Amino acid sequence: MSSTAGMVSIVGSPNVAYVGSKFASRGMTKHVAVQYGPDNIRVNSVHPGYIKTPMMAAASGADGGGIVPSIPLRRMAEPEEVSKLVLFLASDDSSYISGMEHVIDAGLTAQ
């Protein structure tokens, strides 16, 4: 698991260590996917945007710090929306997907 803070600069990210760790997960995902691909081990990263979780609420308030109008789909995600992506990536239905970064942010980083 990573974050959109691992894809682009997000104003208000907690600190440089947080951002650095999220960017690092991208490189580790690709490296480990190549290293262990021959063993049929798939590795992907998931980069959620604003998700309605206690961690998000503690960091930016229940409304995401007023970010909703800036999100193209005009809402934050429910945790289940991210877990469905993770479940898909863990399933045989994604058997040919490896080394990829999966952004789930309602288009926030597309702007």
Protein backbone atom coordinates (compact mmCIF):
# COMPACT_ATOMS: atom_id res chain seq x y z
CA MET A 1 0.00 0.00 0.00
CA SER A 2 1.22 3.44 -0.85
CA SER A 3 -0.56 6.73 -1.44
CA THR A 4 -1.10 9.38 -4.07
CA ALA A 5 1.72 11.14 -2.18
CA GLY A 6 3.94 8.55 -3.87
CA MET A 7 2.79 9.68 -7.32
CA VAL A 8 2.73 13.48 -7.18
CA SER A 9 3.39 16.26 -4.72
CA ILE A 10 0.39 16.51 -2.40
CA VAL A 11 0.12 19.79 -0.52
CA GLY A 12 -0.32 19.04 3.15
CA SER A 13 1.44 15.65 3.13
CA PRO A 14 2.59 14.95 6.69
CA ASN A 15 6.36 15.23 6.07
CA VAL A 16 9.17 14.40 3.70
CA ALA A 17 9.73 10.98 5.33
CA TYR A 18 6.11 10.03 4.57
CA VAL A 19 6.42 11.17 0.96
CA GLY A 20 9.81 9.50 0.55
CA SER A 21 8.49 6.19 1.82
CA LYS A 22 5.57 6.33 -0.58
CA PHE A 23 7.81 7.09 -3.56
CA ALA A 24 10.17 4.31 -2.43
CA SER A 25 7.33 1.79 -2.52
CA ARG A 26 7.02 2.42 -6.26
CA GLY A 27 10.64 1.47 -6.90
CA MET A 28 10.52 -1.51 -4.58
CA THR A 29 7.35 -2.74 -6.28
CA LYS A 30 9.02 -2.75 -9.68
CA HIS A 31 12.30 -4.23 -8.43
CA VAL A 32 10.65 -7.06 -6.49
CA ALA A 33 8.24 -7.80 -9.36
CA VAL A 34 11.18 -8.31 -11.73
CA GLN A 35 13.26 -10.20 -9.17
CA TYR A 36 10.54 -12.68 -8.21
CA GLY A 37 8.55 -12.84 -11.44
CA PRO A 38 10.39 -16.01 -12.52
CA ASP A 39 9.01 -17.63 -9.35
CA ASN A 40 5.47 -16.65 -10.42
CA ILE A 41 5.24 -14.05 -7.64
CA ARG A 42 3.34 -10.93 -8.63
CA VAL A 43 3.92 -7.59 -6.93
CA ASN A 44 1.82 -4.44 -7.39
CA SER A 45 1.33 -1.24 -5.45
CA VAL A 46 -1.92 0.52 -4.63
CA HIS A 47 -1.98 4.32 -4.31
CA PRO A 48 -5.22 5.51 -2.71
CA GLY A 49 -6.29 9.12 -2.62
CA TYR A 50 -8.72 10.48 -0.03
CA ILE A 51 -10.41 7.51 1.62
CA LYS A 52 -12.91 7.81 4.48
CA THR A 53 -10.79 6.26 7.22
CA PRO A 54 -10.00 7.24 10.81
CA MET A 55 -6.40 8.03 9.74
CA MET A 56 -7.60 10.43 7.04
CA ALA A 57 -10.07 12.09 9.40
CA ALA A 58 -7.38 12.53 12.06
CA ALA A 59 -5.00 14.08 9.54
CA SER A 60 -7.36 16.39 7.70
CA GLY A 61 -10.81 16.34 9.29
CA ALA A 62 -13.87 14.33 8.41
CA ASP A 63 -14.34 16.34 5.21
CA GLY A 64 -10.77 15.78 4.02
CA GLY A 65 -9.77 19.33 4.79
CA GLY A 66 -12.13 20.69 2.16
CA ILE A 67 -10.53 18.68 -0.68
CA VAL A 68 -13.77 17.23 -2.08
CA PRO A 69 -14.44 20.08 -4.57
CA SER A 70 -10.97 19.43 -6.04
CA ILE A 71 -11.61 15.73 -6.61
CA PRO A 72 -12.98 15.12 -10.13
CA LEU A 73 -15.62 12.65 -8.87
CA ARG A 74 -16.47 15.11 -6.05
CA ARG A 75 -16.29 12.58 -3.23
CA MET A 76 -13.94 10.59 -1.06
CA ALA A 77 -13.85 6.81 -1.40
CA GLU A 78 -15.23 4.28 0.99
CA PRO A 79 -12.58 1.85 2.31
CA GLU A 80 -14.37 -1.02 0.55
CA GLU A 81 -13.60 0.55 -2.83
CA VAL A 82 -9.88 0.17 -2.17
CA SER A 83 -10.23 -3.30 -0.67
CA LYS A 84 -12.06 -4.49 -3.82
CA LEU A 85 -9.06 -3.40 -5.91
CA VAL A 86 -6.67 -5.19 -3.54
CA LEU A 87 -8.83 -8.32 -3.64
CA PHE A 88 -8.78 -8.25 -7.46
CA LEU A 89 -4.99 -7.90 -7.49
CA ALA A 90 -4.65 -10.84 -5.09
CA SER A 91 -6.95 -13.02 -7.22
CA ASP A 92 -6.24 -15.20 -10.22
CA ASP A 93 -8.25 -12.71 -12.30
CA SER A 94 -5.16 -10.48 -12.30
CA SER A 95 -2.68 -13.26 -13.05
CA TYR A 96 -0.86 -11.26 -15.75
CA ILE A 97 -0.55 -8.00 -13.81
CA SER A 98 2.74 -7.39 -12.02
CA GLY A 99 5.06 -4.48 -11.32
CA MET A 100 2.27 -1.95 -11.73
CA GLU A 101 1.13 1.07 -9.78
CA HIS A 102 -2.62 1.22 -9.27
CA VAL A 103 -3.91 4.69 -8.46
CA ILE A 104 -7.38 4.82 -6.95
CA ASP A 105 -8.10 8.50 -6.37
CA ALA A 106 -11.19 9.51 -8.39
CA GLY A 107 -8.95 11.32 -10.89
CA LEU A 108 -7.23 13.59 -8.35
CA THR A 109 -3.71 12.98 -9.71
CA ALA A 110 -4.90 13.23 -13.33
CA GLN A 111 -5.28 17.00 -13.01
